[in-house]
PDB file of N, CA and C in Angstrom:
ATOM      1  N   MET A   1     195.833  14.681  12.232  1.00  0.00           N
ATOM      2  CA  MET A   1     195.189  13.784  11.303  1.00  0.00           C
ATOM      3  C   MET A   1     196.163  13.473  10.179  1.00  0.00           C
ATOM      4  N   ASN A   2     196.411  12.217   9.940  1.00  0.00           N
ATOM      5  CA  ASN A   2     197.319  11.782   8.891  1.00  0.00           C
ATOM      6  C   ASN A   2     196.484  11.469   7.639  1.00  0.00           C
ATOM      7  N   TRP A   3     196.387  12.433   6.734  1.00  0.00           N
ATOM      8  CA  TRP A   3     195.530  12.283   5.570  1.00  0.00           C
ATOM      9  C   TRP A   3     196.054  11.257   4.579  1.00  0.00           C
ATOM     10  N   THR A   4     197.345  10.990   4.590  1.00  0.00           N
ATOM     11  CA  THR A   4     197.888   9.961   3.715  1.00  0.00           C
ATOM     12  C   THR A   4     197.339   8.594   4.102  1.00  0.00           C
ATOM     13  N   VAL A   5     197.315   8.307   5.397  1.00  0.00           N
ATOM     14  CA  VAL A   5     196.786   7.028   5.876  1.00  0.00           C
ATOM     15  C   VAL A   5     195.284   6.948   5.623  1.00  0.00           C
ATOM     16  N   VAL A   6     194.574   8.056   5.832  1.00  0.00           N
ATOM     17  CA  VAL A   6     193.131   8.080   5.589  1.00  0.00           C
ATOM     18  C   VAL A   6     192.840   7.760   4.128  1.00  0.00           C
ATOM     19  N   MET A   7     193.573   8.356   3.213  1.00  0.00           N
ATOM     20  CA  MET A   7     193.351   8.096   1.790  1.00  0.00           C
ATOM     21  C   MET A   7     193.751   6.669   1.402  1.00  0.00           C
ATOM     22  N   LEU A   8     194.828   6.151   1.985  1.00  0.00           N
ATOM     23  CA  LEU A   8     195.238   4.777   1.668  1.00  0.00           C
ATOM     24  C   LEU A   8     194.219   3.757   2.169  1.00  0.00           C
ATOM     25  N   ARG A   9     193.691   3.971   3.362  1.00  0.00           N
ATOM     26  CA  ARG A   9     192.721   3.020   3.908  1.00  0.00           C
ATOM     27  C   ARG A   9     191.359   3.146   3.256  1.00  0.00           C
ATOM     28  N   GLY A  10     190.950   4.346   2.947  1.00  0.00           N
ATOM     29  CA  GLY A  10     189.604   4.551   2.425  1.00  0.00           C
ATOM     30  C   GLY A  10     189.468   4.321   0.940  1.00  0.00           C
ATOM     31  N   ALA A  11     190.505   4.579   0.180  1.00  0.00           N
ATOM     32  CA  ALA A  11     190.412   4.494  -1.275  1.00  0.00           C
ATOM     33  C   ALA A  11     191.118   3.272  -1.843  1.00  0.00           C
ATOM     34  N   ARG A  12     191.348   2.250  -1.042  1.00  0.00           N
ATOM     35  CA  ARG A  12     192.076   1.093  -1.561  1.00  0.00           C
ATOM     36  C   ARG A  12     191.230   0.275  -2.529  1.00  0.00           C
ATOM     37  N   LEU A  13     189.925   0.148  -2.306  1.00  0.00           N
ATOM     38  CA  LEU A  13     189.085  -0.617  -3.223  1.00  0.00           C
ATOM     39  C   LEU A  13     188.959   0.074  -4.579  1.00  0.00           C
ATOM     40  N   PRO A  14     188.679   1.389  -4.650  1.00  0.00           N
ATOM     41  CA  PRO A  14     188.683   2.040  -5.963  1.00  0.00           C
ATOM     42  C   PRO A  14     190.041   1.981  -6.659  1.00  0.00           C
ATOM     43  N   ALA A  15     191.118   2.056  -5.905  1.00  0.00           N
ATOM     44  CA  ALA A  15     192.447   1.994  -6.514  1.00  0.00           C
ATOM     45  C   ALA A  15     192.710   0.617  -7.116  1.00  0.00           C
ATOM     46  N   MET A  16     192.265  -0.446  -6.447  1.00  0.00           N
ATOM     47  CA  MET A  16     192.437  -1.792  -7.007  1.00  0.00           C
ATOM     48  C   MET A  16     191.596  -1.961  -8.266  1.00  0.00           C
ATOM     49  N   GLY A  17     190.364  -1.437  -8.256  1.00  0.00           N
ATOM     50  CA  GLY A  17     189.518  -1.498  -9.445  1.00  0.00           C
ATOM     51  C   GLY A  17     190.128  -0.744 -10.615  1.00  0.00           C
ATOM     52  N   LEU A  18     190.699   0.418 -10.326  1.00  0.00           N
ATOM     53  CA  LEU A  18     191.357   1.206 -11.359  1.00  0.00           C
ATOM     54  C   LEU A  18     192.559   0.457 -11.927  1.00  0.00           C
ATOM     55  N   ALA A  19     193.343  -0.169 -11.069  1.00  0.00           N
ATOM     56  CA  ALA A  19     194.522  -0.902 -11.525  1.00  0.00           C
ATOM     57  C   ALA A  19     194.125  -2.082 -12.414  1.00  0.00           C
ATOM     58  N   VAL A  20     193.105  -2.830 -12.027  1.00  0.00           N
ATOM     59  CA  VAL A  20     192.665  -3.974 -12.832  1.00  0.00           C
ATOM     60  C   VAL A  20     192.131  -3.496 -14.179  1.00  0.00           C
ATOM     61  N   ALA A  21     191.344  -2.407 -14.172  1.00  0.00           N
ATOM     62  CA  ALA A  21     190.803  -1.881 -15.426  1.00  0.00           C
ATOM     63  C   ALA A  21     191.926  -1.429 -16.360  1.00  0.00           C
ATOM     64  N   LEU A  22     192.941  -0.780 -15.812  1.00  0.00           N
ATOM     65  CA  LEU A  22     194.047  -0.318 -16.659  1.00  0.00           C
ATOM     66  C   LEU A  22     194.868  -1.483 -17.215  1.00  0.00           C
ATOM     67  N   VAL A  23     195.036  -2.552 -16.446  1.00  0.00           N
ATOM     68  CA  VAL A  23     195.756  -3.730 -16.953  1.00  0.00           C
ATOM     69  C   VAL A  23     194.967  -4.388 -18.080  1.00  0.00           C
ATOM     70  N   ILE A  24     193.649  -4.475 -17.927  1.00  0.00           N
ATOM     71  CA  ILE A  24     192.833  -5.060 -18.994  1.00  0.00           C
ATOM     72  C   ILE A  24     192.894  -4.200 -20.251  1.00  0.00           C
ATOM     73  N   MET A  25     192.824  -2.875 -20.079  1.00  0.00           N
ATOM     74  CA  MET A  25     192.912  -1.984 -21.249  1.00  0.00           C
ATOM     75  C   MET A  25     194.268  -2.100 -21.930  1.00  0.00           C
ATOM     76  N   TRP A  26     195.337  -2.198 -21.149  1.00  0.00           N
ATOM     77  CA  TRP A  26     196.677  -2.350 -21.705  1.00  0.00           C
ATOM     78  C   TRP A  26     196.792  -3.653 -22.494  1.00  0.00           C
ATOM     79  N   ALA A  27     196.262  -4.753 -21.926  1.00  0.00           N
ATOM     80  CA  ALA A  27     196.324  -6.047 -22.616  1.00  0.00           C
ATOM     81  C   ALA A  27     195.506  -6.015 -23.893  1.00  0.00           C
ATOM     82  N   ALA A  28     194.345  -5.380 -23.864  1.00  0.00           N
ATOM     83  CA  ALA A  28     193.514  -5.295 -25.069  1.00  0.00           C
ATOM     84  C   ALA A  28     194.221  -4.474 -26.151  1.00  0.00           C
ATOM     85  N   TRP A  29     194.919  -3.430 -25.753  1.00  0.00           N
ATOM     86  CA  TRP A  29     195.631  -2.597 -26.724  1.00  0.00           C
ATOM     87  C   TRP A  29     196.802  -3.359 -27.345  1.00  0.00           C
ATOM     88  N   ASN A  30     197.522  -4.112 -26.548  1.00  0.00           N
ATOM     89  CA  ASN A  30     198.691  -4.828 -27.066  1.00  0.00           C
ATOM     90  C   ASN A  30     198.319  -6.069 -27.866  1.00  0.00           C
ATOM     91  N   LEU A  31     197.181  -6.681 -27.597  1.00  0.00           N
ATOM     92  CA  LEU A  31     196.790  -7.912 -28.292  1.00  0.00           C
ATOM     93  C   LEU A  31     195.822  -7.655 -29.444  1.00  0.00           C
ATOM     94  N   ARG A  32     195.583  -6.415 -29.799  1.00  0.00           N
ATOM     95  CA  ARG A  32     194.581  -6.111 -30.828  1.00  0.00           C
ATOM     96  C   ARG A  32     195.022  -6.550 -32.224  1.00  0.00           C
ATOM     97  N   ASP A  33     196.329  -6.673 -32.460  1.00  0.00           N
ATOM     98  CA  ASP A  33     196.819  -7.032 -33.793  1.00  0.00           C
ATOM     99  C   ASP A  33     196.934  -8.534 -34.006  1.00  0.00           C
ATOM    100  N   THR A  34     196.892  -9.311 -32.946  1.00  0.00           N
ATOM    101  CA  THR A  34     196.985 -10.763 -33.113  1.00  0.00           C
ATOM    102  C   THR A  34     195.586 -11.325 -33.343  1.00  0.00           C
ATOM    103  N   PRO A  35     195.458 -12.359 -34.189  1.00  0.00           N
ATOM    104  CA  PRO A  35     194.114 -12.862 -34.517  1.00  0.00           C
ATOM    105  C   PRO A  35     193.399 -13.503 -33.324  1.00  0.00           C
ATOM    106  N   HIS A  36     194.107 -14.276 -32.534  1.00  0.00           N
ATOM    107  CA  HIS A  36     193.451 -14.928 -31.401  1.00  0.00           C
ATOM    108  C   HIS A  36     193.318 -13.981 -30.217  1.00  0.00           C
ATOM    109  N   GLY A  37     194.261 -13.088 -30.065  1.00  0.00           N
ATOM    110  CA  GLY A  37     194.221 -12.154 -28.949  1.00  0.00           C
ATOM    111  C   GLY A  37     193.067 -11.179 -29.039  1.00  0.00           C
ATOM    112  N   ALA A  38     192.785 -10.696 -30.239  1.00  0.00           N
ATOM    113  CA  ALA A  38     191.699  -9.733 -30.411  1.00  0.00           C
ATOM    114  C   ALA A  38     190.354 -10.378 -30.098  1.00  0.00           C
ATOM    115  N   ALA A  39     190.154 -11.614 -30.522  1.00  0.00           N
ATOM    116  CA  ALA A  39     188.882 -12.288 -30.260  1.00  0.00           C
ATOM    117  C   ALA A  39     188.727 -12.617 -28.776  1.00  0.00           C
ATOM    118  N   PHE A  40     189.825 -12.890 -28.101  1.00  0.00           N
ATOM    119  CA  PHE A  40     189.757 -13.243 -26.685  1.00  0.00           C
ATOM    120  C   PHE A  40     189.553 -12.032 -25.788  1.00  0.00           C
ATOM    121  N   VAL A  41     190.245 -10.934 -26.074  1.00  0.00           N
ATOM    122  CA  VAL A  41     190.264  -9.784 -25.169  1.00  0.00           C
ATOM    123  C   VAL A  41     189.123  -8.811 -25.440  1.00  0.00           C
ATOM    124  N   GLU A  42     188.514  -8.842 -26.601  1.00  0.00           N
ATOM    125  CA  GLU A  42     187.491  -7.856 -26.956  1.00  0.00           C
ATOM    126  C   GLU A  42     186.331  -7.796 -25.953  1.00  0.00           C
ATOM    127  N   PRO A  43     185.771  -8.905 -25.473  1.00  0.00           N
ATOM    128  CA  PRO A  43     184.692  -8.781 -24.472  1.00  0.00           C
ATOM    129  C   PRO A  43     185.173  -8.164 -23.157  1.00  0.00           C
ATOM    130  N   PHE A  44     186.414  -8.437 -22.787  1.00  0.00           N
ATOM    131  CA  PHE A  44     186.935  -7.888 -21.531  1.00  0.00           C
ATOM    132  C   PHE A  44     187.216  -6.391 -21.637  1.00  0.00           C
ATOM    133  N   ARG A  45     187.441  -5.914 -22.850  1.00  0.00           N
ATOM    134  CA  ARG A  45     187.734  -4.490 -23.018  1.00  0.00           C
ATOM    135  C   ARG A  45     186.547  -3.644 -22.589  1.00  0.00           C
ATOM    136  N   TRP A  46     185.342  -4.058 -22.937  1.00  0.00           N
ATOM    137  CA  TRP A  46     184.158  -3.297 -22.523  1.00  0.00           C
ATOM    138  C   TRP A  46     183.902  -3.443 -21.031  1.00  0.00           C
ATOM    139  N   GLY A  47     184.242  -4.594 -20.493  1.00  0.00           N
ATOM    140  CA  GLY A  47     184.122  -4.770 -19.045  1.00  0.00           C
ATOM    141  C   GLY A  47     185.075  -3.871 -18.278  1.00  0.00           C
ATOM    142  N   SER A  48     186.228  -3.575 -18.886  1.00  0.00           N
ATOM    143  CA  SER A  48     187.170  -2.692 -18.214  1.00  0.00           C
ATOM    144  C   SER A  48     186.623  -1.272 -18.116  1.00  0.00           C
ATOM    145  N   PHE A  49     185.848  -0.832 -19.104  1.00  0.00           N
ATOM    146  CA  PHE A  49     185.232   0.490 -19.023  1.00  0.00           C
ATOM    147  C   PHE A  49     184.190   0.545 -17.913  1.00  0.00           C
ATOM    148  N   VAL A  50     183.449  -0.536 -17.764  1.00  0.00           N
ATOM    149  CA  VAL A  50     182.461  -0.609 -16.681  1.00  0.00           C
ATOM    150  C   VAL A  50     183.170  -0.607 -15.333  1.00  0.00           C
ATOM    151  N   LEU A  51     184.240  -1.368 -15.217  1.00  0.00           N
ATOM    152  CA  LEU A  51     185.005  -1.404 -13.973  1.00  0.00           C
ATOM    153  C   LEU A  51     185.619  -0.040 -13.668  1.00  0.00           C
ATOM    154  N   LEU A  52     186.088   0.645 -14.674  1.00  0.00           N
ATOM    155  CA  LEU A  52     186.631   1.985 -14.497  1.00  0.00           C
ATOM    156  C   LEU A  52     185.556   2.949 -14.006  1.00  0.00           C
ATOM    157  N   ALA A  53     184.352   2.850 -14.550  1.00  0.00           N
ATOM    158  CA  ALA A  53     183.253   3.708 -14.109  1.00  0.00           C
ATOM    159  C   ALA A  53     182.863   3.390 -12.659  1.00  0.00           C
ATOM    160  N   LEU A  54     182.801   2.113 -12.315  1.00  0.00           N
ATOM    161  CA  LEU A  54     182.454   1.730 -10.935  1.00  0.00           C
ATOM    162  C   LEU A  54     183.518   2.182  -9.942  1.00  0.00           C
ATOM    163  N   ALA A  55     184.797   2.065 -10.317  1.00  0.00           N
ATOM    164  CA  ALA A  55     185.867   2.521  -9.431  1.00  0.00           C
ATOM    165  C   ALA A  55     185.803   4.032  -9.241  1.00  0.00           C
ATOM    166  N   SER A  56     185.481   4.761 -10.294  1.00  0.00           N
ATOM    167  CA  SER A  56     185.342   6.216 -10.177  1.00  0.00           C
ATOM    168  C   SER A  56     184.177   6.584  -9.263  1.00  0.00           C
ATOM    169  N   MET A  57     183.068   5.854  -9.378  1.00  0.00           N
ATOM    170  CA  MET A  57     181.916   6.120  -8.511  1.00  0.00           C
ATOM    171  C   MET A  57     182.237   5.784  -7.058  1.00  0.00           C
ATOM    172  N   ALA A  58     182.960   4.703  -6.821  1.00  0.00           N
ATOM    173  CA  ALA A  58     183.321   4.332  -5.449  1.00  0.00           C
ATOM    174  C   ALA A  58     184.252   5.374  -4.830  1.00  0.00           C
ATOM    175  N   TYR A  59     185.193   5.880  -5.626  1.00  0.00           N
ATOM    176  CA  TYR A  59     186.089   6.920  -5.126  1.00  0.00           C
ATOM    177  C   TYR A  59     185.319   8.211  -4.853  1.00  0.00           C
ATOM    178  N   GLY A  60     184.395   8.544  -5.723  1.00  0.00           N
ATOM    179  CA  GLY A  60     183.560   9.722  -5.509  1.00  0.00           C
ATOM    180  C   GLY A  60     182.724   9.603  -4.251  1.00  0.00           C
ATOM    181  N   HIS A  61     182.195   8.411  -3.987  1.00  0.00           N
ATOM    182  CA  HIS A  61     181.416   8.188  -2.758  1.00  0.00           C
ATOM    183  C   HIS A  61     182.298   8.338  -1.524  1.00  0.00           C
ATOM    184  N   PHE A  62     183.527   7.852  -1.593  1.00  0.00           N
ATOM    185  CA  PHE A  62     184.452   7.996  -0.469  1.00  0.00           C
ATOM    186  C   PHE A  62     184.760   9.467  -0.203  1.00  0.00           C
ATOM    187  N   VAL A  63     185.030  10.232  -1.255  1.00  0.00           N
ATOM    188  CA  VAL A  63     185.316  11.655  -1.083  1.00  0.00           C
ATOM    189  C   VAL A  63     184.082  12.382  -0.565  1.00  0.00           C
ATOM    190  N   TYR A  64     182.897  12.018  -1.038  1.00  0.00           N
ATOM    191  CA  TYR A  64     181.650  12.612  -0.554  1.00  0.00           C
ATOM    192  C   TYR A  64     181.482  12.360   0.942  1.00  0.00           C
ATOM    193  N   ARG A  65     181.773  11.137   1.392  1.00  0.00           N
ATOM    194  CA  ARG A  65     181.674  10.838   2.827  1.00  0.00           C
ATOM    195  C   ARG A  65     182.696  11.628   3.636  1.00  0.00           C
ATOM    196  N   LEU A  66     183.896  11.826   3.099  1.00  0.00           N
ATOM    197  CA  LEU A  66     184.900  12.642   3.794  1.00  0.00           C
ATOM    198  C   LEU A  66     184.461  14.092   3.909  1.00  0.00           C
ATOM    199  N   ILE A  67     183.879  14.628   2.849  1.00  0.00           N
ATOM    200  CA  ILE A  67     183.408  16.010   2.893  1.00  0.00           C
ATOM    201  C   ILE A  67     182.278  16.150   3.909  1.00  0.00           C
ATOM    202  N   ARG A  68     181.357  15.188   3.934  1.00  0.00           N
ATOM    203  CA  ARG A  68     180.273  15.251   4.921  1.00  0.00           C
ATOM    204  C   ARG A  68     180.813  15.123   6.345  1.00  0.00           C
ATOM    205  N   TRP A  69     181.831  14.288   6.567  1.00  0.00           N
ATOM    206  CA  TRP A  69     182.425  14.164   7.902  1.00  0.00           C
ATOM    207  C   TRP A  69     183.096  15.469   8.297  1.00  0.00           C
ATOM    208  N   GLU A  70     183.792  16.106   7.353  1.00  0.00           N
ATOM    209  CA  GLU A  70     184.494  17.344   7.640  1.00  0.00           C
ATOM    210  C   GLU A  70     183.524  18.463   8.012  1.00  0.00           C
ATOM    211  N   ARG A  71     182.334  18.464   7.412  1.00  0.00           N
ATOM    212  CA  ARG A  71     181.315  19.468   7.720  1.00  0.00           C
ATOM    213  C   ARG A  71     180.443  19.062   8.908  1.00  0.00           C
ATOM    214  N   THR A  72     180.743  17.940   9.559  1.00  0.00           N
ATOM    215  CA  THR A  72     179.991  17.355  10.681  1.00  0.00           C
ATOM    216  C   THR A  72     178.529  17.098  10.321  1.00  0.00           C
ATOM    217  N   GLN A  73     178.265  16.736   9.078  1.00  0.00           N
ATOM    218  CA  GLN A  73     176.920  16.384   8.652  1.00  0.00           C
ATOM    219  C   GLN A  73     176.748  14.872   8.543  1.00  0.00           C
ATOM    220  N   GLY A  74     177.815  14.146   8.485  1.00  0.00           N
ATOM    221  CA  GLY A  74     177.752  12.708   8.251  1.00  0.00           C
ATOM    222  C   GLY A  74     177.862  11.916   9.541  1.00  0.00           C
ATOM    223  N   ASP A  75     178.467  10.757   9.433  1.00  0.00           N
ATOM    224  CA  ASP A  75     178.636   9.869  10.579  1.00  0.00           C
ATOM    225  C   ASP A  75     179.573  10.500  11.590  1.00  0.00           C
ATOM    226  N   GLN A  76     179.382  10.093  12.835  1.00  0.00           N
ATOM    227  CA  GLN A  76     180.272  10.635  13.866  1.00  0.00           C
ATOM    228  C   GLN A  76     181.671  10.075  13.683  1.00  0.00           C
ATOM    229  N   GLY A  77     182.641  10.771  14.232  1.00  0.00           N
ATOM    230  CA  GLY A  77     184.029  10.372  14.077  1.00  0.00           C
ATOM    231  C   GLY A  77     184.418   9.284  15.059  1.00  0.00           C
ATOM    232  N   CYS A  78     185.677   8.944  15.032  1.00  0.00           N
ATOM    233  CA  CYS A  78     186.245   7.928  15.908  1.00  0.00           C
ATOM    234  C   CYS A  78     186.205   8.415  17.355  1.00  0.00           C
ATOM    235  N   ASP A  79     185.961   7.488  18.273  1.00  0.00           N
ATOM    236  CA  ASP A  79     185.933   7.840  19.697  1.00  0.00           C
ATOM    237  C   ASP A  79     187.319   8.173  20.228  1.00  0.00           C
ATOM    238  N   ARG A  80     188.359   7.590  19.642  1.00  0.00           N
ATOM    239  CA  ARG A  80     189.707   7.767  20.167  1.00  0.00           C
ATOM    240  C   ARG A  80     190.428   8.967  19.565  1.00  0.00           C
ATOM    241  N   CYS A  81     190.403   9.082  18.225  1.00  0.00           N
ATOM    242  CA  CYS A  81     191.204  10.133  17.584  1.00  0.00           C
ATOM    243  C   CYS A  81     190.355  11.195  16.900  1.00  0.00           C
ATOM    244  N   GLY A  82     189.057  10.951  16.734  1.00  0.00           N
ATOM    245  CA  GLY A  82     188.192  11.919  16.076  1.00  0.00           C
ATOM    246  C   GLY A  82     188.241  11.862  14.568  1.00  0.00           C
ATOM    247  N   GLY A  83     188.907  10.873  14.009  1.00  0.00           N
ATOM    248  CA  GLY A  83     189.043  10.751  12.557  1.00  0.00           C
ATOM    249  C   GLY A  83     187.780  10.219  11.900  1.00  0.00           C
ATOM    250  N   PRO A  84     187.738  10.225  10.569  1.00  0.00           N
ATOM    251  CA  PRO A  84     186.576   9.714   9.844  1.00  0.00           C
ATOM    252  C   PRO A  84     186.484   8.195   9.953  1.00  0.00           C
ATOM    253  N   THR A  85     185.255   7.697   9.973  1.00  0.00           N
ATOM    254  CA  THR A  85     185.048   6.255  10.082  1.00  0.00           C
ATOM    255  C   THR A  85     184.438   5.713   8.796  1.00  0.00           C
ATOM    256  N   GLY A  86     184.584   4.432   8.600  1.00  0.00           N
ATOM    257  CA  GLY A  86     184.068   3.775   7.407  1.00  0.00           C
ATOM    258  C   GLY A  86     182.614   3.386   7.553  1.00  0.00           C
ATOM    259  N   HIS A  87     182.182   2.478   6.707  1.00  0.00           N
ATOM    260  CA  HIS A  87     180.803   2.013   6.742  1.00  0.00           C
ATOM    261  C   HIS A  87     180.558   1.151   7.972  1.00  0.00           C
ATOM    262  N   ARG A  88     179.288   1.070   8.390  1.00  0.00           N
ATOM    263  CA  ARG A  88     178.918   0.253   9.549  1.00  0.00           C
ATOM    264  C   ARG A  88     179.088  -1.220   9.195  1.00  0.00           C
ATOM    265  N   GLN A  89     179.723  -1.948  10.111  1.00  0.00           N
ATOM    266  CA  GLN A  89     179.924  -3.386   9.942  1.00  0.00           C
ATOM    267  C   GLN A  89     179.177  -4.109  11.046  1.00  0.00           C
ATOM    268  N   ASP A  90     178.632  -5.252  10.725  1.00  0.00           N
ATOM    269  CA  ASP A  90     177.897  -6.031  11.720  1.00  0.00           C
ATOM    270  C   ASP A  90     178.852  -6.572  12.767  1.00  0.00           C
ATOM    271  N   GLY A  91     178.391  -6.570  14.017  1.00  0.00           N
ATOM    272  CA  GLY A  91     179.195  -7.120  15.102  1.00  0.00           C
ATOM    273  C   GLY A  91     179.304  -8.630  14.991  1.00  0.00           C
ATOM    274  N   ARG A  92     180.387  -9.160  15.475  1.00  0.00           N
ATOM    275  CA  ARG A  92     180.621 -10.593  15.398  1.00  0.00           C
ATOM    276  C   ARG A  92     179.994 -11.304  16.595  1.00  0.00           C
ATOM    277  N   VAL A  93     179.819 -12.593  16.444  1.00  0.00           N
ATOM    278  CA  VAL A  93     179.322 -13.414  17.544  1.00  0.00           C
ATOM    279  C   VAL A  93     180.517 -14.159  18.122  1.00  0.00           C
ATOM    280  N   MET A  94     180.795 -13.892  19.398  1.00  0.00           N
ATOM    281  CA  MET A  94     181.916 -14.548  20.069  1.00  0.00           C
ATOM    282  C   MET A  94     181.412 -15.175  21.358  1.00  0.00           C
ATOM    283  N   TYR A  95     181.694 -16.462  21.531  1.00  0.00           N
ATOM    284  CA  TYR A  95     181.291 -17.205  22.728  1.00  0.00           C
ATOM    285  C   TYR A  95     179.790 -17.112  22.965  1.00  0.00           C
ATOM    286  N   GLY A  96     179.009 -17.120  21.863  1.00  0.00           N
ATOM    287  CA  GLY A  96     177.566 -17.101  21.983  1.00  0.00           C
ATOM    288  C   GLY A  96     176.970 -15.729  22.247  1.00  0.00           C
ATOM    289  N   ARG A  97     177.778 -14.675  22.293  1.00  0.00           N
ATOM    290  CA  ARG A  97     177.266 -13.326  22.551  1.00  0.00           C
ATOM    291  C   ARG A  97     177.457 -12.465  21.306  1.00  0.00           C
ATOM    292  N   GLN A  98     176.463 -11.648  21.009  1.00  0.00           N
ATOM    293  CA  GLN A  98     176.520 -10.740  19.862  1.00  0.00           C
ATOM    294  C   GLN A  98     177.240  -9.456  20.258  1.00  0.00           C
ATOM    295  N   LEU A  99     178.336  -9.155  19.585  1.00  0.00           N
ATOM    296  CA  LEU A  99     179.049  -7.907  19.826  1.00  0.00           C
ATOM    297  C   LEU A  99     178.348  -6.777  19.080  1.00  0.00           C
ATOM    298  N   PRO A 100     178.506  -5.535  19.529  1.00  0.00           N
ATOM    299  CA  PRO A 100     177.793  -4.429  18.872  1.00  0.00           C
ATOM    300  C   PRO A 100     178.357  -4.138  17.483  1.00  0.00           C
ATOM    301  N   ASP A 101     177.526  -3.482  16.666  1.00  0.00           N
ATOM    302  CA  ASP A 101     177.979  -3.041  15.359  1.00  0.00           C
ATOM    303  C   ASP A 101     179.064  -1.989  15.541  1.00  0.00           C
ATOM    304  N   PHE A 102     179.933  -1.867  14.549  1.00  0.00           N
ATOM    305  CA  PHE A 102     181.058  -0.935  14.693  1.00  0.00           C
ATOM    306  C   PHE A 102     181.417  -0.317  13.361  1.00  0.00           C
ATOM    307  N   ARG A 103     182.184   0.766  13.446  1.00  0.00           N
ATOM    308  CA  ARG A 103     182.777   1.413  12.283  1.00  0.00           C
ATOM    309  C   ARG A 103     184.275   1.496  12.520  1.00  0.00           C
ATOM    310  N   ARG A 104     185.062   1.171  11.505  1.00  0.00           N
ATOM    311  CA  ARG A 104     186.514   1.209  11.631  1.00  0.00           C
ATOM    312  C   ARG A 104     187.019   2.580  11.196  1.00  0.00           C
ATOM    313  N   CYS A 105     187.910   3.140  12.002  1.00  0.00           N
ATOM    314  CA  CYS A 105     188.448   4.476  11.745  1.00  0.00           C
ATOM    315  C   CYS A 105     189.476   4.411  10.616  1.00  0.00           C
ATOM    316  N   TYR A 106     189.406   5.380   9.710  1.00  0.00           N
ATOM    317  CA  TYR A 106     190.378   5.446   8.622  1.00  0.00           C
ATOM    318  C   TYR A 106     191.717   5.986   9.107  1.00  0.00           C
ATOM    319  N   ASN A 107     191.737   6.715  10.212  1.00  0.00           N
ATOM    320  CA  ASN A 107     192.969   7.328  10.685  1.00  0.00           C
ATOM    321  C   ASN A 107     193.775   6.370  11.569  1.00  0.00           C
ATOM    322  N   CYS A 108     193.155   5.873  12.655  1.00  0.00           N
ATOM    323  CA  CYS A 108     193.910   5.039  13.597  1.00  0.00           C
ATOM    324  C   CYS A 108     193.688   3.545  13.390  1.00  0.00           C
ATOM    325  N   GLY A 109     192.637   3.155  12.655  1.00  0.00           N
ATOM    326  CA  GLY A 109     192.388   1.751  12.381  1.00  0.00           C
ATOM    327  C   GLY A 109     191.636   1.007  13.474  1.00  0.00           C
ATOM    328  N   LYS A 110     191.270   1.676  14.554  1.00  0.00           N
ATOM    329  CA  LYS A 110     190.543   1.025  15.652  1.00  0.00           C
ATOM    330  C   LYS A 110     189.061   0.988  15.359  1.00  0.00           C
ATOM    331  N   ALA A 111     188.367   0.039  15.960  1.00  0.00           N
ATOM    332  CA  ALA A 111     186.923  -0.095  15.788  1.00  0.00           C
ATOM    333  C   ALA A 111     186.216   0.733  16.851  1.00  0.00           C
ATOM    334  N   SER A 112     185.208   1.500  16.422  1.00  0.00           N
ATOM    335  CA  SER A 112     184.401   2.302  17.341  1.00  0.00           C
ATOM    336  C   SER A 112     182.992   1.753  17.329  1.00  0.00           C
ATOM    337  N   PRO A 113     182.448   1.325  18.471  1.00  0.00           N
ATOM    338  CA  PRO A 113     181.084   0.794  18.475  1.00  0.00           C
ATOM    339  C   PRO A 113     180.090   1.896  18.126  1.00  0.00           C
ATOM    340  N   GLN A 114     179.099   1.543  17.328  1.00  0.00           N
ATOM    341  CA  GLN A 114     178.069   2.481  16.885  1.00  0.00           C
ATOM    342  C   GLN A 114     176.701   1.959  17.300  1.00  0.00           C
ATOM    343  N   SER A 115     175.801   2.872  17.531  1.00  0.00           N
ATOM    344  CA  SER A 115     174.434   2.456  17.898  1.00  0.00           C
ATOM    345  C   SER A 115     173.536   2.512  16.694  1.00  0.00           C
TER     346      SER A 115
END
């Protein structure tokens, strides 16, 4: 199991949220002394705290799902490699036929059909 790949694939959304929140906080800190900058950035500064909280909650949910998978209490693993899988995604419609719902593996990246 390549845990580096699992963490990169599973925690990319919280990491992007964290990066955006930190850039907004940095801009608010640097523009606080300018008259127009402070008035413009002040509403976004509070939004960055909310984004930081949401990113932390999303990362916590990802780690919670990994712990449940490791204890075999959560979703079943990948059919090919046995790695942890992500959230259930709706199957696509191709050539007029509905494909089954699936979960994408965090380790190998392949889709595993789920019932």
